[in-house]
């Protein structure tokens, strides 16, 4: 995958966050109402707890700027920045935290099954060669 230019980095990251967080929220989308530029973009999310947020993504990180979609009403000094979208979601949504843990456990089980399957087929090949 090609690296985005510095002018596109924030927008690219926002698009990736929308894809990555979708499993653990009721809805998430990039705001079509609030201004976007190379330094900042906004996305709206609705948690599984049915709490709506408008989130700013900038070079400083992620922060909640509104408790409704497409609302930027919090002063820059009044809101905490998070380094990652996962840290933000961990703070906003206990159900997201649980969903993330469940998704991780499922992926690990899948990897183990694949490894076990590979080990089993290897044994069959070895057994077949010895006969």
Protein backbone atom coordinates (compact mmCIF):
# COMPACT_ATOMS: atom_id res chain seq x y z
CA UNK A 1 0.00 0.00 0.00
CA UNK A 2 1.25 3.43 -0.93
CA UNK A 3 1.97 5.89 1.89
CA UNK A 4 -0.31 8.95 1.86
CA UNK A 5 1.30 12.34 1.33
CA UNK A 6 1.51 14.66 4.34
CA UNK A 7 -1.44 16.58 2.89
CA UNK A 8 -3.54 13.39 2.88
CA UNK A 9 -2.29 11.74 6.09
CA UNK A 10 -5.07 12.90 8.44
CA UNK A 11 -7.84 12.09 5.95
CA UNK A 12 -6.29 8.67 5.27
CA UNK A 13 -6.03 7.92 9.00
CA UNK A 14 -9.67 8.96 9.52
CA UNK A 15 -10.78 6.57 6.76
CA UNK A 16 -8.78 3.74 8.36
CA UNK A 17 -10.25 4.47 11.79
CA UNK A 18 -13.78 4.31 10.39
CA UNK A 19 -13.03 0.84 8.99
CA UNK A 20 -11.20 -0.43 12.07
CA UNK A 21 -13.71 0.72 14.69
CA UNK A 22 -16.88 -0.25 12.81
CA UNK A 23 -17.14 -3.66 14.52
CA UNK A 24 -17.39 -2.12 17.99
CA UNK A 25 -19.77 0.80 17.45
CA UNK A 26 -23.33 1.20 16.16
CA UNK A 27 -22.21 3.68 13.50
CA UNK A 28 -19.18 5.68 12.48
CA UNK A 29 -18.63 8.03 9.55
CA UNK A 30 -16.51 10.97 8.52
CA UNK A 31 -18.41 14.22 8.99
CA UNK A 32 -19.63 15.77 5.77
CA UNK A 33 -20.62 19.01 7.52
CA UNK A 34 -17.53 20.08 9.44
CA UNK A 35 -14.51 21.49 7.60
CA UNK A 36 -11.60 19.21 6.70
CA UNK A 37 -8.08 20.16 5.82
CA UNK A 38 -4.57 18.71 5.97
CA UNK A 39 -4.40 19.26 9.76
CA UNK A 40 -7.83 18.19 10.99
CA UNK A 41 -10.86 16.11 10.14
CA UNK A 42 -13.94 15.07 12.09
CA UNK A 43 -15.91 11.88 12.39
CA UNK A 44 -19.20 11.01 14.06
CA UNK A 45 -19.69 7.88 16.07
CA UNK A 46 -22.53 6.24 17.92
CA UNK A 47 -21.41 3.83 20.62
CA UNK A 48 -23.13 0.56 21.44
CA UNK A 49 -24.43 2.40 24.53
CA UNK A 50 -26.23 4.74 22.09
CA UNK A 51 -24.06 7.75 22.98
CA UNK A 52 -23.34 10.10 20.05
CA UNK A 53 -20.01 11.89 19.68
CA UNK A 54 -18.26 14.12 17.22
CA UNK A 55 -14.52 13.40 17.30
CA UNK A 56 -11.71 15.56 15.98
CA UNK A 57 -8.62 13.92 14.53
CA UNK A 58 -5.64 16.21 14.22
CA UNK A 59 -1.88 16.03 14.47
CA UNK A 60 -2.34 16.30 18.25
CA UNK A 61 -4.49 13.14 18.37
CA UNK A 62 -8.14 12.29 18.89
CA UNK A 63 -10.56 14.22 21.06
CA UNK A 64 -14.29 14.51 21.58
CA UNK A 65 -15.51 17.92 20.47
CA UNK A 66 -19.25 17.36 20.68
CA UNK A 67 -21.89 15.10 22.19
CA UNK A 68 -23.90 15.03 18.96
CA UNK A 69 -23.06 14.42 15.32
CA UNK A 70 -21.41 17.26 13.40
CA UNK A 71 -21.06 19.47 16.49
CA UNK A 72 -17.78 21.15 17.40
CA UNK A 73 -18.62 23.00 20.58
CA UNK A 74 -15.75 22.26 22.94
CA UNK A 75 -12.89 24.70 23.30
CA UNK A 76 -9.42 23.34 22.53
CA UNK A 77 -8.38 23.73 26.16
CA UNK A 78 -11.37 21.85 27.55
CA UNK A 79 -10.92 18.45 25.94
CA UNK A 80 -8.45 15.64 26.49
CA UNK A 81 -6.45 14.30 23.54
CA UNK A 82 -5.92 10.58 23.01
CA UNK A 83 -2.94 9.20 21.11
CA UNK A 84 -4.97 6.44 19.45
CA UNK A 85 -8.57 5.83 18.45
CA UNK A 86 -8.48 2.67 20.59
CA UNK A 87 -7.55 4.66 23.70
CA UNK A 88 -10.38 7.09 22.98
CA UNK A 89 -12.90 4.26 22.54
CA UNK A 90 -11.65 2.47 25.64
CA UNK A 91 -12.49 5.62 27.59
CA UNK A 92 -15.87 6.28 25.92
CA UNK A 93 -17.39 2.82 25.68
CA UNK A 94 -17.14 -0.16 28.04
CA UNK A 95 -19.05 -2.23 25.46
CA UNK A 96 -16.40 -1.36 22.85
CA UNK A 97 -13.71 -2.55 25.26
CA UNK A 98 -15.56 -5.85 25.68
CA UNK A 99 -16.16 -6.15 21.90
CA UNK A 100 -12.47 -5.51 21.27
CA UNK A 101 -11.50 -8.23 23.75
CA UNK A 102 -13.97 -10.67 22.19
CA UNK A 103 -12.74 -9.89 18.66
CA UNK A 104 -9.14 -10.37 19.75
CA UNK A 105 -9.93 -13.69 21.44
CA UNK A 106 -11.77 -14.84 18.30
CA UNK A 107 -8.79 -13.93 16.08
CA UNK A 108 -6.39 -15.78 18.39
CA UNK A 109 -8.60 -18.87 18.30
CA UNK A 110 -8.67 -18.63 14.50
CA UNK A 111 -4.86 -18.43 14.34
CA UNK A 112 -4.53 -21.42 16.68
CA UNK A 113 -6.96 -23.45 14.56
CA UNK A 114 -4.95 -22.62 11.44
CA UNK A 115 -1.71 -23.60 13.17
CA UNK A 116 -3.25 -26.83 14.46
CA UNK A 117 -4.61 -27.59 10.98
CA UNK A 118 -1.15 -27.00 9.49
CA UNK A 119 0.45 -29.23 12.11
CA UNK A 120 -2.11 -31.98 11.51
CA UNK A 121 -1.58 -31.89 7.72
CA UNK A 122 2.16 -32.03 8.26
CA UNK A 123 1.78 -35.19 10.35
CA UNK A 124 -0.37 -36.79 7.66
CA UNK A 125 2.24 -36.09 5.01
CA UNK A 126 4.99 -37.52 7.21
CA UNK A 127 2.90 -40.61 7.99
CA UNK A 128 2.04 -41.03 4.31
CA UNK A 129 5.72 -40.91 3.31
CA UNK A 130 6.73 -43.54 5.87
CA UNK A 131 4.23 -46.17 4.64
